[in-house]
Amino acid sequence: MASERAWLFLAGATGRVGSAAAETLASQGENLVLHSSGRTESLTELAGRLTAQYGVHTVPVTADVTDAEQLARLNSTLAERGIGALAALVNCTTAYTGGVAGIAELTGDEFRRVVDADLVGAFLLVRELLPLLINQKGAKVVLFSSVAGLRGRPGAAHLCAAKAGVHGLTLALAKELAAHGIAVNCVAPGPIVHADQGRPTRLPPGVAVSTPQEVVNAATYLASAASSPISGQVLVVNGGEV
């Protein structure tokens, strides 16, 4: 039986940013549906630890975000757990693995893989979970993009194209879902490093690093009631640089 407290859906919960978001949200007392595209063991461990440490309810689910049929089955899974509404959807899923791939070396399959996961996957997640978001007054959608989608980056055409698309998707959904009282926003971080890692030595002017926690702070704010007056925005988290 689900708790009466509202539920948040966190996609990509086993990733670097996703796991930090899960920790922060659980520490705030939020019940979480924790999603991973395939890391079942890590996901189960994360869910169990957060429940034990913070006393929140967690439901681990796995689904390929590019597979509409798998995502559609999530609604049945959540209904079986007594979850009929979602206060927020936060999508941290990405297929980008870093590295440099110039346009001459970048394969069509690699380009499609990142665009499918980061852009098409974001669209499918919102579409399939929309009934549960509509059922919760003042629901939030928080998507993740990248500064690369705003400024471009050599050797990362697939990332730049996918994340620029997420910006357009954010604006379109914000206008369309406003009728349901759903706010849609996007977080666009620059390079992300852990606090104990060194700063990259070669970054273009105006591009700075942030820690996963700094990025998560922006996302959890946009997923909270405190951000209610805000929708259709791309919030850049870029180490305080412009």
C-alpha atoms as a PDB file:
ATOM      1  CA  MET A   1       0.000   0.000   0.000  1.00  0.00           C
ATOM      2  CA  ALA A   2       1.392   3.389  -1.008  1.00  0.00           C
ATOM      3  CA  SER A   3       1.890   6.215   1.457  1.00  0.00           C
ATOM      4  CA  GLU A   4      -0.562   9.126   1.403  1.00  0.00           C
ATOM      5  CA  ARG A   5       2.370  11.466   0.827  1.00  0.00           C
ATOM      6  CA  ALA A   6       2.880  12.497  -2.795  1.00  0.00           C
ATOM      7  CA  TRP A   7       5.193  10.483  -5.045  1.00  0.00           C
ATOM      8  CA  LEU A   8       7.976  11.734  -7.307  1.00  0.00           C
ATOM      9  CA  PHE A   9       9.219   9.793 -10.337  1.00  0.00           C
ATOM     10  CA  LEU A  10      12.999   9.986 -10.765  1.00  0.00           C
ATOM     11  CA  ALA A  11      14.210   8.636 -14.103  1.00  0.00           C
ATOM     12  CA  GLY A  12      17.864   7.692 -14.423  1.00  0.00           C
ATOM     13  CA  ALA A  13      18.191   7.278 -10.663  1.00  0.00           C
ATOM     14  CA  THR A  14      21.377   5.203 -10.787  1.00  0.00           C
ATOM     15  CA  GLY A  15      23.414   7.752 -12.738  1.00  0.00           C
ATOM     16  CA  ARG A  16      25.789  10.309 -11.264  1.00  0.00           C
ATOM     17  CA  VAL A  17      23.231  13.129 -11.099  1.00  0.00           C
ATOM     18  CA  GLY A  18      20.259  10.807 -10.615  1.00  0.00           C
ATOM     19  CA  SER A  19      21.711   9.120  -7.528  1.00  0.00           C
ATOM     20  CA  ALA A  20      22.515  12.519  -6.012  1.00  0.00           C
ATOM     21  CA  ALA A  21      18.942  13.619  -6.716  1.00  0.00           C
ATOM     22  CA  ALA A  22      17.574  10.462  -5.105  1.00  0.00           C
ATOM     23  CA  GLU A  23      19.633  11.080  -1.982  1.00  0.00           C
ATOM     24  CA  THR A  24      18.533  14.720  -1.736  1.00  0.00           C
ATOM     25  CA  LEU A  25      14.852  14.026  -2.329  1.00  0.00           C
ATOM     26  CA  ALA A  26      14.796  11.135   0.130  1.00  0.00           C
ATOM     27  CA  SER A  27      16.505  13.290   2.758  1.00  0.00           C
ATOM     28  CA  GLN A  28      13.635  15.749   2.277  1.00  0.00           C
ATOM     29  CA  GLY A  29      11.119  13.010   3.040  1.00  0.00           C
ATOM     30  CA  GLU A  30       9.892  12.435  -0.516  1.00  0.00           C
ATOM     31  CA  ASN A  31       8.480   9.086  -1.601  1.00  0.00           C
ATOM     32  CA  LEU A  32      10.244   8.033  -4.780  1.00  0.00           C
ATOM     33  CA  VAL A  33       9.634   5.894  -7.807  1.00  0.00           C
ATOM     34  CA  LEU A  34      13.225   5.161  -8.787  1.00  0.00           C
ATOM     35  CA  HIS A  35      13.798   4.304 -12.441  1.00  0.00           C
ATOM     36  CA  SER A  36      16.737   2.821 -14.280  1.00  0.00           C
ATOM     37  CA  SER A  37      17.011   1.677 -17.866  1.00  0.00           C
ATOM     38  CA  GLY A  38      18.751  -1.521 -16.837  1.00  0.00           C
ATOM     39  CA  ARG A  39      20.866  -1.364 -13.657  1.00  0.00           C
ATOM     40  CA  THR A  40      18.495  -3.573 -11.694  1.00  0.00           C
ATOM     41  CA  GLU A  41      20.873  -4.583  -8.904  1.00  0.00           C
ATOM     42  CA  SER A  42      22.147  -1.048  -8.293  1.00  0.00           C
ATOM     43  CA  LEU A  43      18.584   0.274  -8.376  1.00  0.00           C
ATOM     44  CA  THR A  44      17.338  -2.247  -5.827  1.00  0.00           C
ATOM     45  CA  GLU A  45      20.255  -1.453  -3.531  1.00  0.00           C
ATOM     46  CA  LEU A  46      19.603   2.281  -3.823  1.00  0.00           C
ATOM     47  CA  ALA A  47      15.895   1.890  -3.060  1.00  0.00           C
ATOM     48  CA  GLY A  48      16.552  -0.277  -0.031  1.00  0.00           C
ATOM     49  CA  ARG A  49      19.211   2.032   1.367  1.00  0.00           C
ATOM     50  CA  LEU A  50      17.086   5.178   1.007  1.00  0.00           C
ATOM     51  CA  THR A  51      14.120   3.510   2.692  1.00  0.00           C
ATOM     52  CA  ALA A  52      16.283   2.271   5.560  1.00  0.00           C
ATOM     53  CA  GLN A  53      18.141   5.553   6.009  1.00  0.00           C
ATOM     54  CA  TYR A  54      15.342   8.090   5.567  1.00  0.00           C
ATOM     55  CA  GLY A  55      12.157   6.129   6.224  1.00  0.00           C
ATOM     56  CA  VAL A  56      10.635   7.025   2.859  1.00  0.00           C
ATOM     57  CA  HIS A  57       8.756   4.719   0.531  1.00  0.00           C
ATOM     58  CA  THR A  58      10.582   3.709  -2.633  1.00  0.00           C
ATOM     59  CA  VAL A  59       9.491   1.719  -5.670  1.00  0.00           C
ATOM     60  CA  PRO A  60      12.235   0.606  -8.088  1.00  0.00           C
ATOM     61  CA  VAL A  61      11.211   0.200 -11.746  1.00  0.00           C
ATOM     62  CA  THR A  62      13.174  -0.561 -14.897  1.00  0.00           C
ATOM     63  CA  ALA A  63      12.265   0.339 -18.465  1.00  0.00           C
ATOM     64  CA  ASP A  64      14.012   1.390 -21.647  1.00  0.00           C
ATOM     65  CA  VAL A  65      13.016   5.044 -22.087  1.00  0.00           C
ATOM     66  CA  THR A  66      13.120   4.627 -25.866  1.00  0.00           C
ATOM     67  CA  ASP A  67      10.567   1.782 -25.756  1.00  0.00           C
ATOM     68  CA  ALA A  68       7.022   3.136 -25.552  1.00  0.00           C
ATOM     69  CA  GLU A  69       5.561  -0.278 -24.707  1.00  0.00           C
ATOM     70  CA  GLN A  70       7.869  -0.744 -21.720  1.00  0.00           C
ATOM     71  CA  LEU A  71       7.059   2.744 -20.462  1.00  0.00           C
ATOM     72  CA  ALA A  72       3.335   2.186 -20.887  1.00  0.00           C
ATOM     73  CA  ARG A  73       3.581  -0.837 -18.608  1.00  0.00           C
ATOM     74  CA  LEU A  74       4.955   1.407 -15.860  1.00  0.00           C
ATOM     75  CA  ASN A  75       1.468   2.786 -15.263  1.00  0.00           C
ATOM     76  CA  SER A  76       0.186  -0.713 -14.523  1.00  0.00           C
ATOM     77  CA  THR A  77       3.113  -1.385 -12.207  1.00  0.00           C
ATOM     78  CA  LEU A  78       2.517   1.834 -10.297  1.00  0.00           C
ATOM     79  CA  ALA A  79      -1.221   1.212 -10.095  1.00  0.00           C
ATOM     80  CA  GLU A  80      -0.502  -2.172  -8.523  1.00  0.00           C
ATOM     81  CA  ARG A  81       1.492  -0.353  -5.856  1.00  0.00           C
ATOM     82  CA  GLY A  82      -1.349   2.067  -5.186  1.00  0.00           C
ATOM     83  CA  ILE A  83       0.318   5.017  -6.906  1.00  0.00           C
ATOM     84  CA  GLY A  84      -2.297   6.914  -8.895  1.00  0.00           C
ATOM     85  CA  ALA A  85      -0.671  10.347  -9.062  1.00  0.00           C
ATOM     86  CA  LEU A  86       2.783  11.890  -9.363  1.00  0.00           C
ATOM     87  CA  ALA A  87       3.773  15.251  -7.905  1.00  0.00           C
ATOM     88  CA  ALA A  88       6.794  15.469 -10.175  1.00  0.00           C
ATOM     89  CA  LEU A  89       8.727  13.758 -12.934  1.00  0.00           C
ATOM     90  CA  VAL A  90      12.471  14.438 -12.923  1.00  0.00           C
ATOM     91  CA  ASN A  91      14.336  12.952 -15.872  1.00  0.00           C
ATOM     92  CA  CYS A  92      18.103  12.457 -15.422  1.00  0.00           C
ATOM     93  CA  THR A  93      18.440   9.804 -18.124  1.00  0.00           C
ATOM     94  CA  THR A  94      21.159  10.174 -20.728  1.00  0.00           C
ATOM     95  CA  ALA A  95      22.985   7.957 -23.201  1.00  0.00           C
ATOM     96  CA  TYR A  96      25.906  10.354 -23.641  1.00  0.00           C
ATOM     97  CA  THR A  97      29.096   8.823 -22.292  1.00  0.00           C
ATOM     98  CA  GLY A  98      31.501  11.715 -22.838  1.00  0.00           C
ATOM     99  CA  GLY A  99      34.528  11.781 -25.052  1.00  0.00           C
ATOM    100  CA  VAL A 100      35.093  13.544 -28.341  1.00  0.00           C
ATOM    101  CA  ALA A 101      33.698  12.290 -31.646  1.00  0.00           C
ATOM    102  CA  GLY A 102      34.148  14.589 -34.620  1.00  0.00           C
ATOM    103  CA  ILE A 103      31.469  14.644 -37.278  1.00  0.00           C
ATOM    104  CA  ALA A 104      33.634  12.544 -39.622  1.00  0.00           C
ATOM    105  CA  GLU A 105      33.998   9.812 -36.972  1.00  0.00           C
ATOM    106  CA  LEU A 106      30.557   9.986 -35.365  1.00  0.00           C
ATOM    107  CA  THR A 107      28.419   7.122 -36.635  1.00  0.00           C
ATOM    108  CA  GLY A 108      24.744   7.390 -37.440  1.00  0.00           C
ATOM    109  CA  ASP A 109      23.966   4.714 -34.869  1.00  0.00           C
ATOM    110  CA  GLU A 110      25.765   6.642 -32.108  1.00  0.00           C
ATOM    111  CA  PHE A 111      24.034   9.879 -33.099  1.00  0.00           C
ATOM    112  CA  ARG A 112      20.623   8.185 -33.012  1.00  0.00           C
ATOM    113  CA  ARG A 113      21.366   6.423 -29.724  1.00  0.00           C
ATOM    114  CA  VAL A 114      21.937   9.691 -27.883  1.00  0.00           C
ATOM    115  CA  VAL A 115      19.063  11.548 -29.572  1.00  0.00           C
ATOM    116  CA  ASP A 116      16.706   8.615 -28.941  1.00  0.00           C
ATOM    117  CA  ALA A 117      17.566   8.329 -25.236  1.00  0.00           C
ATOM    118  CA  ASP A 118      17.954  12.005 -24.371  1.00  0.00           C
ATOM    119  CA  LEU A 119      15.245  13.587 -26.525  1.00  0.00           C
ATOM    120  CA  VAL A 120      12.790  10.927 -27.675  1.00  0.00           C
ATOM    121  CA  GLY A 121      13.038   9.244 -24.276  1.00  0.00           C
ATOM    122  CA  ALA A 122      12.148  12.476 -22.501  1.00  0.00           C
ATOM    123  CA  PHE A 123       9.099  12.905 -24.723  1.00  0.00           C
ATOM    124  CA  LEU A 124       7.943   9.319 -24.177  1.00  0.00           C
ATOM    125  CA  LEU A 125       8.384   9.538 -20.404  1.00  0.00           C
ATOM    126  CA  VAL A 126       6.209  12.629 -20.174  1.00  0.00           C
ATOM    127  CA  ARG A 127       3.611  11.219 -22.553  1.00  0.00           C
ATOM    128  CA  GLU A 128       3.235   7.908 -20.748  1.00  0.00           C
ATOM    129  CA  LEU A 129       3.241   9.364 -17.220  1.00  0.00           C
ATOM    130  CA  LEU A 130       1.023  12.332 -18.093  1.00  0.00           C
ATOM    131  CA  PRO A 131      -2.197  10.800 -16.657  1.00  0.00           C
ATOM    132  CA  LEU A 132      -0.506  10.438 -13.265  1.00  0.00           C
ATOM    133  CA  LEU A 133       0.809  14.003 -13.406  1.00  0.00           C
ATOM    134  CA  ILE A 134      -2.644  15.337 -14.292  1.00  0.00           C
ATOM    135  CA  ASN A 135      -4.028  13.540 -11.232  1.00  0.00           C
ATOM    136  CA  GLN A 136      -1.809  15.616  -8.913  1.00  0.00           C
ATOM    137  CA  LYS A 137      -2.585  19.317  -8.560  1.00  0.00           C
ATOM    138  CA  GLY A 138       0.401  21.516  -9.366  1.00  0.00           C
ATOM    139  CA  ALA A 139       2.588  18.710 -10.751  1.00  0.00           C
ATOM    140  CA  LYS A 140       6.086  19.467 -12.065  1.00  0.00           C
ATOM    141  CA  VAL A 141       8.167  18.143 -14.931  1.00  0.00           C
ATOM    142  CA  VAL A 142      11.923  18.716 -14.795  1.00  0.00           C
ATOM    143  CA  LEU A 143      14.000  17.687 -17.796  1.00  0.00           C
ATOM    144  CA  PHE A 144      17.780  17.729 -18.083  1.00  0.00           C
ATOM    145  CA  SER A 145      19.730  19.158 -20.972  1.00  0.00           C
ATOM    146  CA  SER A 146      23.203  20.704 -21.166  1.00  0.00           C
ATOM    147  CA  VAL A 147      24.989  23.974 -21.821  1.00  0.00           C
ATOM    148  CA  ALA A 148      26.191  22.164 -24.946  1.00  0.00           C
ATOM    149  CA  GLY A 149      22.652  22.372 -26.293  1.00  0.00           C
ATOM    150  CA  LEU A 150      22.744  26.156 -25.927  1.00  0.00           C
ATOM    151  CA  ARG A 151      26.293  26.968 -27.040  1.00  0.00           C
ATOM    152  CA  GLY A 152      27.415  23.994 -29.075  1.00  0.00           C
ATOM    153  CA  ARG A 153      30.533  21.917 -28.536  1.00  0.00           C
ATOM    154  CA  PRO A 154      33.009  20.535 -31.064  1.00  0.00           C
ATOM    155  CA  GLY A 155      33.150  16.771 -31.115  1.00  0.00           C
ATOM    156  CA  ALA A 156      29.692  16.345 -29.568  1.00  0.00           C
ATOM    157  CA  ALA A 157      27.152  16.952 -32.321  1.00  0.00           C
ATOM    158  CA  HIS A 158      24.907  14.175 -31.009  1.00  0.00           C
ATOM    159  CA  LEU A 159      24.810  15.664 -27.506  1.00  0.00           C
ATOM    160  CA  CYS A 160      24.272  19.218 -28.765  1.00  0.00           C
ATOM    161  CA  ALA A 161      21.447  18.208 -31.095  1.00  0.00           C
ATOM    162  CA  ALA A 162      19.675  16.096 -28.484  1.00  0.00           C
ATOM    163  CA  LYS A 163      19.886  18.724 -25.750  1.00  0.00           C
ATOM    164  CA  ALA A 164      18.833  21.579 -28.039  1.00  0.00           C
ATOM    165  CA  GLY A 165      15.811  19.431 -28.806  1.00  0.00           C
ATOM    166  CA  VAL A 166      15.090  19.056 -25.094  1.00  0.00           C
ATOM    167  CA  HIS A 167      14.957  22.854 -24.845  1.00  0.00           C
ATOM    168  CA  GLY A 168      12.340  22.988 -27.581  1.00  0.00           C
ATOM    169  CA  LEU A 169      10.427  20.136 -25.981  1.00  0.00           C
ATOM    170  CA  THR A 170      10.427  21.984 -22.656  1.00  0.00           C
ATOM    171  CA  LEU A 171       8.939  25.118 -24.200  1.00  0.00           C
ATOM    172  CA  ALA A 172       6.303  23.183 -26.129  1.00  0.00           C
ATOM    173  CA  LEU A 173       5.232  21.096 -23.140  1.00  0.00           C
ATOM    174  CA  ALA A 174       5.145  24.115 -20.824  1.00  0.00           C
ATOM    175  CA  LYS A 175       2.617  25.803 -23.077  1.00  0.00           C
ATOM    176  CA  GLU A 176       0.579  22.670 -23.738  1.00  0.00           C
ATOM    177  CA  LEU A 177       0.434  21.335 -20.187  1.00  0.00           C
ATOM    178  CA  ALA A 178      -0.285  24.687 -18.560  1.00  0.00           C
ATOM    179  CA  ALA A 179      -3.959  23.912 -19.089  1.00  0.00           C
ATOM    180  CA  HIS A 180      -3.532  21.017 -16.653  1.00  0.00           C
ATOM    181  CA  GLY A 181      -1.643  23.132 -14.120  1.00  0.00           C
ATOM    182  CA  ILE A 182       1.611  21.285 -14.852  1.00  0.00           C
ATOM    183  CA  ALA A 183       4.840  23.312 -14.869  1.00  0.00           C
ATOM    184  CA  VAL A 184       7.619  22.150 -17.197  1.00  0.00           C
ATOM    185  CA  ASN A 185      11.203  23.357 -16.839  1.00  0.00           C
ATOM    186  CA  CYS A 186      14.693  22.280 -17.799  1.00  0.00           C
ATOM    187  CA  VAL A 187      18.097  22.276 -16.077  1.00  0.00           C
ATOM    188  CA  ALA A 188      21.087  22.865 -18.366  1.00  0.00           C
ATOM    189  CA  PRO A 189      24.362  22.171 -16.545  1.00  0.00           C
ATOM    190  CA  GLY A 190      27.857  22.756 -17.775  1.00  0.00           C
ATOM    191  CA  PRO A 191      30.517  20.100 -17.126  1.00  0.00           C
ATOM    192  CA  ILE A 192      29.832  18.126 -13.947  1.00  0.00           C
ATOM    193  CA  VAL A 193      32.588  16.910 -11.629  1.00  0.00           C
ATOM    194  CA  HIS A 194      32.614  15.604  -8.093  1.00  0.00           C
ATOM    195  CA  ALA A 195      33.783  18.048  -5.443  1.00  0.00           C
ATOM    196  CA  ASP A 196      37.056  16.142  -4.946  1.00  0.00           C
ATOM    197  CA  GLN A 197      37.882  16.083  -8.661  1.00  0.00           C
ATOM    198  CA  GLY A 198      40.103  18.632 -10.320  1.00  0.00           C
ATOM    199  CA  ARG A 199      38.702  21.335 -12.573  1.00  0.00           C
ATOM    200  CA  PRO A 200      39.146  20.636 -16.304  1.00  0.00           C
ATOM    201  CA  THR A 201      42.033  22.711 -17.606  1.00  0.00           C
ATOM    202  CA  ARG A 202      40.621  23.465 -21.044  1.00  0.00           C
ATOM    203  CA  LEU A 203      37.172  24.997 -21.084  1.00  0.00           C
ATOM    204  CA  PRO A 204      35.882  27.699 -23.417  1.00  0.00           C
ATOM    205  CA  PRO A 205      35.230  31.181 -21.975  1.00  0.00           C
ATOM    206  CA  GLY A 206      32.077  31.324 -19.893  1.00  0.00           C
ATOM    207  CA  VAL A 207      31.870  27.549 -19.393  1.00  0.00           C
ATOM    208  CA  ALA A 208      32.468  26.342 -15.840  1.00  0.00           C
ATOM    209  CA  VAL A 209      32.039  23.165 -13.850  1.00  0.00           C
ATOM    210  CA  SER A 210      29.474  22.307 -11.205  1.00  0.00           C
ATOM    211  CA  THR A 211      29.216  19.423  -8.756  1.00  0.00           C
ATOM    212  CA  PRO A 212      26.364  16.918  -9.032  1.00  0.00           C
ATOM    213  CA  GLN A 213      24.865  18.362  -5.840  1.00  0.00           C
ATOM    214  CA  GLU A 214      24.815  21.902  -7.235  1.00  0.00           C
ATOM    215  CA  VAL A 215      22.967  20.653 -10.306  1.00  0.00           C
ATOM    216  CA  VAL A 216      20.579  18.623  -8.179  1.00  0.00           C
ATOM    217  CA  ASN A 217      19.776  21.647  -6.015  1.00  0.00           C
ATOM    218  CA  ALA A 218      18.405  23.408  -9.093  1.00  0.00           C
ATOM    219  CA  ALA A 219      16.393  20.370 -10.167  1.00  0.00           C
ATOM    220  CA  THR A 220      14.852  19.729  -6.756  1.00  0.00           C
ATOM    221  CA  TYR A 221      13.862  23.391  -6.517  1.00  0.00           C
ATOM    222  CA  LEU A 222      12.063  23.184  -9.864  1.00  0.00           C
ATOM    223  CA  ALA A 223      10.356  19.970  -8.713  1.00  0.00           C
ATOM    224  CA  SER A 224       9.084  21.616  -5.526  1.00  0.00           C
ATOM    225  CA  ALA A 225       6.075  23.778  -4.762  1.00  0.00           C
ATOM    226  CA  ALA A 226       8.458  26.699  -4.210  1.00  0.00           C
ATOM    227  CA  SER A 227       8.896  26.985  -7.990  1.00  0.00           C
ATOM    228  CA  SER A 228       5.161  27.206  -8.709  1.00  0.00           C
ATOM    229  CA  PRO A 229       5.320  30.587 -10.532  1.00  0.00           C
ATOM    230  CA  ILE A 230       7.960  29.228 -12.950  1.00  0.00           C
ATOM    231  CA  SER A 231       7.381  27.292 -16.166  1.00  0.00           C
ATOM    232  CA  GLY A 232       8.910  27.100 -19.632  1.00  0.00           C
ATOM    233  CA  GLN A 233      12.405  27.985 -18.418  1.00  0.00           C
ATOM    234  CA  VAL A 234      15.852  26.585 -19.151  1.00  0.00           C
ATOM    235  CA  LEU A 235      17.879  27.089 -15.968  1.00  0.00           C
ATOM    236  CA  VAL A 236      21.615  27.119 -16.657  1.00  0.00           C
ATOM    237  CA  VAL A 237      23.792  25.759 -13.841  1.00  0.00           C
ATOM    238  CA  ASN A 238      27.271  26.746 -14.903  1.00  0.00           C
ATOM    239  CA  GLY A 239      29.496  27.324 -11.917  1.00  0.00           C
ATOM    240  CA  GLY A 240      28.401  30.937 -11.590  1.00  0.00           C
ATOM    241  CA  GLU A 241      29.884  31.906 -14.965  1.00  0.00           C
ATOM    242  CA  VAL A 242      28.022  33.364 -17.941  1.00  0.00           C
END
